[in-house]
Protein backbone atom coordinates (compact mmCIF):
# COMPACT_ATOMS: atom_id res chain seq x y z
CA UNK A 1 77.34 99.44 72.78
CA UNK A 2 79.02 96.04 72.58
CA UNK A 3 80.20 96.66 69.04
CA UNK A 4 81.33 100.20 69.85
CA UNK A 5 83.43 98.82 72.71
CA UNK A 6 84.93 96.22 70.40
CA UNK A 7 85.68 98.84 67.75
CA UNK A 8 87.41 101.12 70.27
CA UNK A 9 89.46 98.28 71.76
CA UNK A 10 90.43 97.04 68.31
CA UNK A 11 91.48 100.53 67.18
CA UNK A 12 93.49 101.09 70.35
CA UNK A 13 95.18 97.67 70.14
CA UNK A 14 96.03 98.29 66.49
CA UNK A 15 97.63 101.68 67.04
CA UNK A 16 99.56 100.45 70.06
CA UNK A 17 100.83 97.37 68.20
CA UNK A 18 102.16 99.43 65.28
CA UNK A 19 103.95 101.86 67.63
CA UNK A 20 105.00 99.45 70.39
CA UNK A 21 108.64 99.31 69.33
CA UNK A 22 108.93 103.07 69.50
CA UNK A 23 107.18 103.29 72.86
CA UNK A 24 109.44 100.63 74.37
CA UNK A 25 112.40 102.96 73.82
CA UNK A 26 110.74 105.65 75.93
CA UNK A 27 110.04 105.81 79.69
CA UNK A 28 106.34 105.16 78.95
CA UNK A 29 105.63 101.43 79.17
CA UNK A 30 102.60 99.55 77.94
CA UNK A 31 100.78 99.34 81.27
CA UNK A 32 100.80 103.15 81.64
CA UNK A 33 99.30 103.52 78.15
CA UNK A 34 96.69 100.80 78.74
CA UNK A 35 95.51 102.11 82.11
CA UNK A 36 95.55 105.67 80.81
CA UNK A 37 93.42 104.75 77.81
CA UNK A 38 90.92 102.92 80.01
CA UNK A 39 90.67 105.87 82.40
CA UNK A 40 90.33 108.50 79.64
CA UNK A 41 87.92 106.51 77.46
CA UNK A 42 85.95 105.09 80.39
CA UNK A 43 82.85 106.38 82.20
CA UNK A 44 84.73 108.91 84.33
CA UNK A 45 86.58 110.22 81.27
CA UNK A 46 85.07 110.72 77.84
CA UNK A 47 82.47 108.01 78.35
CA UNK A 48 83.32 106.30 75.06
CA UNK A 49 84.14 102.93 76.61
CA UNK A 50 81.46 101.27 78.71
CA UNK A 51 82.75 97.90 79.88
CA UNK A 52 80.35 95.91 82.03
CA UNK A 53 82.91 93.66 83.73
CA UNK A 54 82.25 92.49 87.29
CA UNK A 55 84.89 91.62 89.87
CA UNK A 56 84.96 87.93 88.94
CA UNK A 57 85.36 88.76 85.27
CA UNK A 58 88.35 91.00 86.02
CA UNK A 59 89.83 88.30 88.24
CA UNK A 60 89.54 85.67 85.51
CA UNK A 61 91.22 87.85 82.90
CA UNK A 62 93.97 88.94 85.30
CA UNK A 63 94.64 85.33 86.38
CA UNK A 64 94.92 84.10 82.79
CA UNK A 65 97.22 87.00 81.93
CA UNK A 66 99.45 86.29 84.91
CA UNK A 67 99.54 82.55 84.17
CA UNK A 68 100.61 83.21 80.57
CA UNK A 69 103.31 85.69 81.61
CA UNK A 70 104.63 83.40 84.35
CA UNK A 71 104.86 80.40 82.01
CA UNK A 72 106.63 82.24 79.19
CA UNK A 73 108.98 84.15 81.49
CA UNK A 74 109.96 80.92 83.22
CA UNK A 75 110.45 79.16 79.89
CA UNK A 76 112.78 81.96 78.79
CA UNK A 77 114.84 81.78 82.00
CA UNK A 78 118.54 81.01 81.68
CA UNK A 79 118.80 77.97 83.95
CA UNK A 80 122.60 77.99 83.81
CA UNK A 81 122.76 81.51 85.24
CA UNK A 82 119.95 80.77 87.67
CA UNK A 83 121.81 77.73 88.98
CA UNK A 84 124.87 79.87 89.68
CA UNK A 85 122.86 82.59 91.46
CA UNK A 86 120.11 80.51 93.08
CA UNK A 87 121.05 81.84 96.53
CA UNK A 88 119.70 85.30 95.71
CA UNK A 89 116.08 84.32 94.86
CA UNK A 90 116.16 81.90 97.79
CA UNK A 91 116.95 84.78 100.14
CA UNK A 92 114.32 87.01 98.53
CA UNK A 93 111.58 84.38 98.80
CA UNK A 94 112.36 82.61 102.07
CA UNK A 95 113.50 85.61 104.12
CA UNK A 96 112.71 88.78 102.20
CA UNK A 97 109.06 87.95 101.51
CA UNK A 98 108.14 87.23 105.16
CA UNK A 99 110.04 90.36 106.24
CA UNK A 100 108.11 92.41 103.69
CA UNK A 101 104.79 91.15 105.06
CA UNK A 102 105.87 91.79 108.66
CA UNK A 103 107.12 95.31 107.88
CA UNK A 104 103.90 96.03 105.97
CA UNK A 105 101.95 94.83 108.99
CA UNK A 106 103.95 96.98 111.41
CA UNK A 107 103.67 100.19 109.40
CA UNK A 108 100.02 99.47 108.68
CA UNK A 109 99.29 99.33 112.41
CA UNK A 110 100.81 102.80 112.78
CA UNK A 111 99.05 104.35 109.78
CA UNK A 112 95.73 102.60 109.12
CA UNK A 113 93.69 103.15 112.29
CA UNK A 114 90.38 101.95 110.84
CA UNK A 115 91.54 98.41 110.09
CA UNK A 116 91.83 95.42 112.39
CA UNK A 117 95.14 93.59 112.86
CA UNK A 118 94.06 90.76 110.55
CA UNK A 119 92.85 93.19 107.87
CA UNK A 120 96.23 94.92 107.91
CA UNK A 121 97.93 91.52 107.67
CA UNK A 122 95.72 90.72 104.68
CA UNK A 123 96.65 94.02 103.03
CA UNK A 124 100.37 93.49 103.65
CA UNK A 125 100.15 90.04 102.07
CA UNK A 126 98.19 91.33 99.07
CA UNK A 127 100.90 93.87 98.32
CA UNK A 128 103.90 91.63 98.99
CA UNK A 129 104.13 89.78 95.62
CA UNK A 130 105.82 91.49 92.70
CA UNK A 131 104.45 91.51 89.17
CA UNK A 132 106.14 89.55 86.39
CA UNK A 133 104.38 91.50 83.63
CA UNK A 134 105.26 94.97 84.92
CA UNK A 135 108.84 93.86 85.60
CA UNK A 136 109.33 92.54 82.07
CA UNK A 137 111.08 95.70 80.91
CA UNK A 138 113.83 95.01 83.44
CA UNK A 139 114.15 91.21 83.36
CA UNK A 140 114.38 91.14 79.55
CA UNK A 141 116.86 94.02 79.22
CA UNK A 142 120.34 92.60 78.61
CA UNK A 143 121.91 95.77 80.00
CA UNK A 144 120.92 94.44 83.43
CA UNK A 145 123.35 91.80 84.77
CA UNK A 146 122.01 88.31 84.10
CA UNK A 147 122.12 87.30 87.76
CA UNK A 148 119.86 90.20 88.73
CA UNK A 149 117.49 89.52 85.85
CA UNK A 150 117.09 85.84 86.59
CA UNK A 151 116.73 86.45 90.34
CA UNK A 152 113.97 89.04 89.85
CA UNK A 153 112.28 86.76 87.34
CA UNK A 154 112.20 83.79 89.74
CA UNK A 155 111.13 85.98 92.65
CA UNK A 156 108.17 87.44 90.75
CA UNK A 157 107.30 84.01 89.38
CA UNK A 158 107.00 82.33 92.77
CA UNK A 159 106.15 84.95 95.38
CA UNK A 160 102.52 85.32 94.31
CA UNK A 161 101.97 81.58 94.62
CA UNK A 162 103.65 81.54 98.03
CA UNK A 163 101.43 84.41 99.19
CA UNK A 164 98.20 82.60 98.28
CA UNK A 165 98.14 80.22 101.30
CA UNK A 166 99.24 83.05 103.61
CA UNK A 167 96.40 85.24 102.34
CA UNK A 168 93.86 82.43 102.70
CA UNK A 169 95.05 81.77 106.25
CA UNK A 170 94.56 85.41 107.27
CA UNK A 171 91.17 85.52 105.55
CA UNK A 172 90.06 82.34 107.32
CA UNK A 173 91.14 83.81 110.67
CA UNK A 174 89.33 87.06 109.93
CA UNK A 175 86.10 85.30 108.96
CA UNK A 176 86.21 82.46 111.51
CA UNK A 177 88.51 83.01 114.46
CA UNK A 178 87.53 79.64 116.02
CA UNK A 179 88.33 77.38 113.10
CA UNK A 180 88.63 73.67 113.68
CA UNK A 181 92.21 72.53 114.29
CA UNK A 182 93.59 76.02 114.84
CA UNK A 183 95.65 78.30 112.57
CA UNK A 184 98.80 76.15 112.65
CA UNK A 185 97.00 73.13 111.20
CA UNK A 186 95.27 75.26 108.58
CA UNK A 187 98.55 76.94 107.62
CA UNK A 188 100.28 73.60 107.05
CA UNK A 189 97.30 72.31 105.08
CA UNK A 190 97.16 75.39 102.85
CA UNK A 191 100.90 75.42 102.18
CA UNK A 192 100.93 71.71 101.37
CA UNK A 193 97.96 71.99 99.04
CA UNK A 194 98.79 75.25 97.27
CA UNK A 195 102.51 74.65 96.74
CA UNK A 196 102.54 70.84 96.57
CA UNK A 197 99.65 70.48 94.14
CA UNK A 198 100.85 73.46 92.14
CA UNK A 199 104.33 71.97 91.65
CA UNK A 200 103.00 68.48 90.88
CA UNK A 201 100.49 69.72 88.30
CA UNK A 202 102.88 72.17 86.65
CA UNK A 203 105.68 69.63 86.27
CA UNK A 204 103.32 66.82 85.29
CA UNK A 205 101.34 68.70 82.64
CA UNK A 206 104.38 70.44 81.19
CA UNK A 207 106.49 67.29 81.20
CA UNK A 208 103.84 65.26 79.39
CA UNK A 209 103.07 68.09 76.99
CA UNK A 210 106.75 68.65 76.15
CA UNK A 211 107.29 64.93 75.53
CA UNK A 212 104.32 64.72 73.14
CA UNK A 213 105.42 67.92 71.40
CA UNK A 214 108.92 66.55 70.85
CA UNK A 215 107.50 63.38 69.28
CA UNK A 216 105.19 65.40 67.02
CA UNK A 217 108.05 67.67 65.93
CA UNK A 218 110.26 64.70 65.12
CA UNK A 219 107.55 63.22 62.90
CA UNK A 220 106.56 66.50 61.27
CA UNK A 221 103.01 66.46 62.56
CA UNK A 222 102.86 70.10 63.67
CA UNK A 223 101.71 72.59 61.02
CA UNK A 224 102.78 76.21 61.05
CA UNK A 225 99.32 77.56 61.80
CA UNK A 226 98.84 75.28 64.82
CA UNK A 227 102.37 75.85 66.09
CA UNK A 228 101.06 78.92 67.90
CA UNK A 229 98.83 77.01 70.33
CA UNK A 230 100.83 74.36 72.27
CA UNK A 231 102.49 76.73 74.74
CA UNK A 232 99.29 78.77 75.20
CA UNK A 233 97.34 75.63 76.02
CA UNK A 234 100.08 74.27 78.30
CA UNK A 235 100.14 77.52 80.29
CA UNK A 236 96.35 77.59 80.65
CA UNK A 237 96.23 73.87 81.38
CA UNK A 238 98.85 74.06 84.15
CA UNK A 239 97.08 76.98 85.77
CA UNK A 240 93.50 75.75 85.45
CA UNK A 241 94.12 72.15 86.54
CA UNK A 242 96.10 73.24 89.61
CA UNK A 243 93.35 75.68 90.60
CA UNK A 244 90.67 73.01 90.08
CA UNK A 245 92.55 70.58 92.33
CA UNK A 246 93.03 73.14 95.10
CA UNK A 247 96.62 74.09 94.33
CA UNK A 248 98.28 77.31 93.23
CA UNK A 249 97.86 77.86 89.52
CA UNK A 250 100.57 80.51 89.59
CA UNK A 251 103.19 78.11 90.95
CA UNK A 252 102.00 75.49 88.45
CA UNK A 253 102.39 77.94 85.55
CA UNK A 254 105.88 79.02 86.61
CA UNK A 255 107.13 75.50 87.38
CA UNK A 256 105.65 74.25 84.12
CA UNK A 257 107.33 77.02 82.20
CA UNK A 258 110.74 76.24 83.72
CA UNK A 259 110.41 72.57 82.76
CA UNK A 260 109.17 73.36 79.25
CA UNK A 261 112.08 75.76 78.70
CA UNK A 262 114.52 73.02 79.68
CA UNK A 263 112.90 70.16 77.73
CA UNK A 264 112.09 72.10 74.55
CA UNK A 265 115.36 73.99 74.17
CA UNK A 266 115.72 73.40 70.41
CA UNK A 267 112.20 74.43 69.33
CA UNK A 268 111.49 76.85 72.20
CA UNK A 269 111.70 80.24 70.39
CA UNK A 270 109.18 79.32 67.69
CA UNK A 271 106.65 78.05 70.22
CA UNK A 272 107.06 80.81 72.79
CA UNK A 273 106.57 83.71 70.39
CA UNK A 274 102.82 83.20 69.99
CA UNK A 275 102.32 82.62 73.72
CA UNK A 276 104.16 85.84 74.53
CA UNK A 277 101.92 87.68 72.08
CA UNK A 278 98.85 86.16 73.73
CA UNK A 279 100.12 87.28 77.13
CA UNK A 280 100.70 90.81 75.85
CA UNK A 281 97.19 90.94 74.38
CA UNK A 282 95.62 89.72 77.61
CA UNK A 283 97.69 92.25 79.55
CA UNK A 284 96.40 95.05 77.32
CA UNK A 285 92.81 93.99 77.95
CA UNK A 286 93.35 93.58 81.71
CA UNK A 287 94.92 96.99 82.21
CA UNK A 288 92.34 98.77 80.03
CA UNK A 289 89.53 97.21 82.10
CA UNK A 290 91.38 98.11 85.30
CA UNK A 291 91.69 101.73 84.17
CA UNK A 292 88.11 102.03 82.92
CA UNK A 293 86.26 100.12 85.63
CA UNK A 294 88.37 100.21 88.80
CA UNK A 295 90.75 103.17 88.93
CA UNK A 296 88.25 105.97 88.48
CA UNK A 297 86.02 104.78 91.30
CA UNK A 298 88.99 104.15 93.60
CA UNK A 299 90.38 107.67 93.23
CA UNK A 300 87.21 109.15 94.69
CA UNK A 301 87.78 107.39 98.03
CA UNK A 302 91.47 108.23 98.56
CA UNK A 303 92.68 109.37 101.98
CA UNK A 304 96.09 110.56 103.11
CA UNK A 305 96.56 107.30 105.05
CA UNK A 306 96.01 105.26 101.88
CA UNK A 307 98.43 107.43 99.89
CA UNK A 308 101.11 107.23 102.58
CA UNK A 309 100.84 103.46 102.94
CA UNK A 310 101.02 103.01 99.16
CA UNK A 311 104.18 105.12 98.98
CA UNK A 312 105.76 103.15 101.82
CA UNK A 313 104.73 99.86 100.24
CA UNK A 314 106.66 100.64 97.06
CA UNK A 315 109.71 101.98 98.91
CA UNK A 316 110.58 101.15 102.53
CA UNK A 317 108.37 98.05 102.91
CA UNK A 318 109.85 96.49 99.77
CA UNK A 319 113.36 97.93 99.56
CA UNK A 320 114.54 97.60 103.17
CA UNK A 321 113.95 93.82 103.45
CA UNK A 322 115.58 93.24 100.04
CA UNK A 323 118.63 95.29 101.01
CA UNK A 324 118.95 93.46 104.33
CA UNK A 325 118.59 89.91 102.98
CA UNK A 326 121.19 90.56 100.27
CA UNK A 327 123.83 91.47 102.84
CA UNK A 328 126.87 89.25 102.45
CA UNK A 329 126.37 88.68 98.72
CA UNK A 330 128.73 90.03 96.06
CA UNK A 331 126.12 92.55 94.89
CA UNK A 332 127.02 96.23 95.06
CA UNK A 333 124.82 98.60 97.13
CA UNK A 334 123.39 100.17 93.97
CA UNK A 335 122.48 96.71 92.62
CA UNK A 336 120.69 95.87 95.88
CA UNK A 337 118.75 99.15 95.73
CA UNK A 338 117.95 98.48 92.08
CA UNK A 339 116.51 95.05 92.93
CA UNK A 340 114.59 96.52 95.85
CA UNK A 341 113.03 99.25 93.73
CA UNK A 342 112.00 96.96 90.91
CA UNK A 343 109.36 95.09 92.82
CA UNK A 344 106.30 96.38 90.94
CA UNK A 345 102.80 95.49 92.13
CA UNK A 346 100.15 94.52 89.61
CA UNK A 347 98.19 91.50 88.46
CA UNK A 348 98.62 89.31 91.56
CA UNK A 349 97.50 92.16 93.84
CA UNK A 350 94.47 92.76 91.59
CA UNK A 351 93.52 89.07 91.81
CA UNK A 352 93.95 89.14 95.58
CA UNK A 353 91.82 92.28 95.72
CA UNK A 354 88.90 90.54 94.05
CA UNK A 355 89.23 87.59 96.46
CA UNK A 356 89.11 89.95 99.46
CA UNK A 357 86.14 91.92 98.07
CA UNK A 358 84.10 88.72 98.01
CA UNK A 359 84.76 88.15 101.72
CA UNK A 360 82.91 91.37 102.70
CA UNK A 361 85.28 92.29 105.52
CA UNK A 362 84.39 95.38 107.62
CA UNK A 363 87.48 97.19 106.36
CA UNK A 364 87.38 95.62 102.91
CA UNK A 365 86.77 98.91 101.10
CA UNK A 366 89.86 100.53 102.62
CA UNK A 367 91.96 97.46 101.85
CA UNK A 368 90.77 97.41 98.24
CA UNK A 369 91.32 101.14 97.70
CA UNK A 370 94.84 100.86 99.11
CA UNK A 371 95.65 98.01 96.75
CA UNK A 372 94.21 99.86 93.74
CA UNK A 373 96.14 103.05 94.45
CA UNK A 374 99.37 101.14 95.12
CA UNK A 375 99.05 99.30 91.80
CA UNK A 376 98.34 102.54 89.92
CA UNK A 377 101.29 104.24 91.59
CA UNK A 378 103.48 101.24 90.74
CA UNK A 379 102.40 101.25 87.10
CA UNK A 380 103.42 104.90 86.80
CA UNK A 381 106.56 104.92 88.96
CA UNK A 382 108.09 101.65 87.78
CA UNK A 383 107.03 102.22 84.19
CA UNK A 384 108.62 105.66 83.97
CA UNK A 385 111.78 104.67 85.84
CA UNK A 386 112.59 101.32 84.19
CA UNK A 387 114.60 102.42 81.15
CA UNK A 388 116.34 105.41 82.83
CA UNK A 389 117.43 103.39 85.90
CA UNK A 390 118.57 100.46 83.76
CA UNK A 391 120.75 102.93 81.86
CA UNK A 392 122.14 104.41 85.07
CA UNK A 393 122.96 100.98 86.52
CA UNK A 394 124.59 99.80 83.29
CA UNK A 395 126.75 102.95 83.15
CA UNK A 396 127.84 102.59 86.79
CA UNK A 397 128.76 98.91 86.33
CA UNK A 398 130.69 99.74 83.17
CA UNK A 399 132.69 102.43 84.98
CA UNK A 400 133.36 99.99 87.83
CA UNK A 401 134.71 97.38 85.39
CA UNK A 402 136.92 99.95 83.68
CA UNK A 403 138.19 101.14 87.07
CA UNK A 404 139.16 97.60 88.01
């Protein structure tokens, strides 16, 4: 069965790779195709693909995928544009993210009767971060204004790392309500460790790696075949070392990518290409496993409360805070709505889901099912709407410029 699985995955990856350019011009993005293939070929479909991947295995693959995407997206960021528009991601992260969690908590209290207050808070936090991989179709499309692209890129790169200490705080309170030192002390400790260690490791590893790479390039030590590995290893190294030291690997990967993109400006395209391909390959594998192993079983346990909360999570809970925090900026109402809508949920929420499963909370099954359905809904809704809505926004902005 192992070799049959490998043959099917290889065949699928081959046919997708040779048609990827054509598919990218349609409303159907890669994640939809990957999840769909996993669901159809998996045990609840045709039964051709039998992947024995446990929760920890899925978490590991999803984390590596997210780390690779965060590093390469950050390295590709236009720091000049970001510097001019830094106020927008600051608002989204420092005000919009807490508002999103609070609104998710409030609506969850009204809808999800079977969960405790802390379980709803955990769910709201799990669904607050946006996904860099699913948002790639928007942040790399030059039809979208550069300020919006860079702001969404930074938001998705940092909000998952910011949510990690918040999630761990709520989990600690849910498991042990009488923790030593109280929640305030734990919150400060988690924030300091996750964000502080993550930033220090990401900047340190990437800075050292970029310096050594520049020396090797200058002396002609890097061969073409090995040119594909430095960025891949830097991304994994930033993530893994930060996690090992108790920090946020996601923040480390994003911070490291930003520094690498600035220090390696001349040679950046050649080095990033292979890392982006590695990220795409890992994303394919992650979403196929998600479709084959997770989605089918989650669908069986759906309730109307789960469906309603998922719909609200992708719309009101995300879009209202974004619209409010962007008040007073020079963005048009349609640009604010565009940024609010393109907050897809994906890899970070999957990773958080595995963490919560291992805690065996009383309402853990409901929390997990809600996350799974929200991610599936996001894959479909954001995947199908990306290219059409980008076109609509570009046309409206063009008409506005002509009118002025």
